[in-house]
Amino acid sequence: MDLQSEIKKAIGAHGMWKGRLKTAIHTGKSEATVAVVCQDNQCEFGKWLYALDPKVKAEKHWQCVKGLHADFHKEAGSVLGLALAGKKAEAESALTDNSKFNAITMKLTMEMMAWASGK
């Protein structure tokens, strides 16, 4: 699959995490573990990202996306940890529009879009 297709697919997949986290907050359960969610090389996009050619990995966009992707997974794991610990109010607060999770998600999405467009 080409770069644009992989990135478009990844934007959608990572966008769905907010819904999964909300479900975990309300049910106190998740199919995913915090340990796995925190890792940026366990999702399909992360596996693809790390498997790219070293020339691509030397590019500014790759390096920025890699860092933001890792930050996204750490924050998603943190929110999931709160949800599974029954800390509903804290977990819900961690998903608001002004949250770190939302800021990282927006930055990651914008950087992936810029990379895909070649800007």
Protein backbone atom coordinates (compact mmCIF):
# COMPACT_ATOMS: atom_id res chain seq x y z
CA MET A 1 0.00 0.00 0.00
CA ASP A 2 1.30 3.48 -0.79
CA LEU A 3 2.13 6.21 1.72
CA GLN A 4 -1.09 8.19 1.23
CA SER A 5 -3.29 5.11 1.64
CA GLU A 6 -1.47 3.92 4.76
CA ILE A 7 -1.69 7.34 6.35
CA LYS A 8 -5.38 7.76 5.49
CA LYS A 9 -6.11 4.36 6.99
CA ALA A 10 -4.05 5.20 10.09
CA ILE A 11 -5.87 8.49 10.66
CA GLY A 12 -9.17 6.62 10.70
CA ALA A 13 -7.88 3.84 12.93
CA HIS A 14 -6.38 6.21 15.46
CA GLY A 15 -9.51 8.34 15.39
CA MET A 16 -11.50 5.31 16.54
CA TRP A 17 -9.43 5.08 19.72
CA LYS A 18 -11.42 7.83 21.39
CA GLY A 19 -14.55 5.70 21.05
CA ARG A 20 -12.78 2.63 22.41
CA LEU A 21 -11.52 4.62 25.36
CA LYS A 22 -15.00 5.99 26.07
CA THR A 23 -16.34 2.44 26.03
CA ALA A 24 -13.61 1.37 28.47
CA ILE A 25 -14.48 4.30 30.74
CA HIS A 26 -18.15 3.34 30.84
CA THR A 27 -17.67 -0.43 31.14
CA GLY A 28 -14.40 -0.62 33.05
CA LYS A 29 -13.26 -3.21 30.51
CA SER A 30 -11.15 -3.39 27.36
CA GLU A 31 -9.95 -6.07 24.99
CA ALA A 32 -6.63 -4.23 24.84
CA THR A 33 -4.20 -4.02 27.73
CA VAL A 34 -2.52 -0.85 28.91
CA ALA A 35 0.89 -2.41 28.27
CA VAL A 36 0.09 -3.08 24.61
CA VAL A 37 -1.74 0.21 23.98
CA CYS A 38 1.26 2.18 25.29
CA GLN A 39 3.52 0.68 22.64
CA ASP A 40 3.70 2.50 19.32
CA ASN A 41 4.81 -0.56 17.35
CA GLN A 42 1.86 -2.86 18.08
CA CYS A 43 -0.84 -1.27 15.93
CA GLU A 44 -0.93 -1.85 12.19
CA PHE A 45 0.31 1.67 11.43
CA GLY A 46 3.17 1.39 13.92
CA LYS A 47 4.32 -1.88 12.39
CA TRP A 48 4.21 -0.29 8.93
CA LEU A 49 5.97 2.85 10.16
CA TYR A 50 8.87 0.95 11.68
CA ALA A 51 9.23 -1.27 8.59
CA LEU A 52 9.77 1.61 6.18
CA ASP A 53 13.01 2.02 4.27
CA PRO A 54 15.85 3.77 6.17
CA LYS A 55 15.76 6.58 3.58
CA VAL A 56 12.15 7.32 4.53
CA LYS A 57 13.02 7.12 8.24
CA ALA A 58 15.59 9.88 7.71
CA GLU A 59 12.88 12.27 6.53
CA LYS A 60 11.59 15.03 8.82
CA HIS A 61 7.96 13.93 8.47
CA TRP A 62 8.75 10.33 9.45
CA GLN A 63 10.63 11.46 12.53
CA CYS A 64 7.88 13.84 13.59
CA VAL A 65 5.09 11.30 12.96
CA LYS A 66 7.03 8.61 14.83
CA GLY A 67 7.39 10.86 17.88
CA LEU A 68 3.77 12.00 17.86
CA HIS A 69 2.58 8.44 17.26
CA ALA A 70 4.54 7.27 20.31
CA ASP A 71 3.08 10.16 22.36
CA PHE A 72 -0.42 9.22 21.17
CA HIS A 73 -0.02 5.64 22.34
CA LYS A 74 1.42 6.66 25.72
CA GLU A 75 -1.49 9.01 26.32
CA ALA A 76 -4.08 6.48 25.10
CA GLY A 77 -2.52 3.92 27.45
CA SER A 78 -2.70 6.40 30.30
CA VAL A 79 -6.39 7.08 29.67
CA LEU A 80 -7.08 3.35 29.39
CA GLY A 81 -5.28 2.80 32.69
CA LEU A 82 -7.55 5.34 34.38
CA ALA A 83 -10.62 3.73 32.83
CA LEU A 84 -9.65 0.22 33.92
CA ALA A 85 -8.86 1.47 37.42
CA GLY A 86 -12.42 2.79 37.71
CA LYS A 87 -11.31 6.45 37.69
CA LYS A 88 -14.14 7.51 35.40
CA ALA A 89 -14.06 11.24 36.07
CA GLU A 90 -10.30 11.46 35.51
CA ALA A 91 -10.51 9.34 32.37
CA GLU A 92 -13.38 11.39 30.96
CA SER A 93 -11.47 14.59 31.70
CA ALA A 94 -8.47 13.14 29.84
CA LEU A 95 -10.60 12.95 26.66
CA THR A 96 -12.06 16.47 26.63
CA ASP A 97 -11.38 18.95 23.84
CA ASN A 98 -8.74 20.66 26.00
CA SER A 99 -6.99 17.42 26.98
CA LYS A 100 -3.46 16.28 26.23
CA PHE A 101 -4.94 13.28 24.38
CA ASN A 102 -6.92 15.56 22.06
CA ALA A 103 -3.96 17.88 21.45
CA ILE A 104 -1.65 14.99 20.57
CA THR A 105 -4.30 13.40 18.35
CA MET A 106 -4.77 16.65 16.43
CA LYS A 107 -1.01 17.20 16.03
CA LEU A 108 -0.50 13.62 14.86
CA THR A 109 -3.34 13.87 12.35
CA MET A 110 -2.09 17.19 10.98
CA GLU A 111 1.46 15.89 10.63
CA MET A 112 0.29 12.70 8.91
CA MET A 113 -1.80 14.77 6.49
CA ALA A 114 1.17 17.02 5.73
CA TRP A 115 3.37 13.97 5.15
CA ALA A 116 0.81 12.38 2.85
CA SER A 117 0.45 15.57 0.83
CA GLY A 118 4.21 16.01 0.52
CA LYS A 119 4.21 19.42 2.22
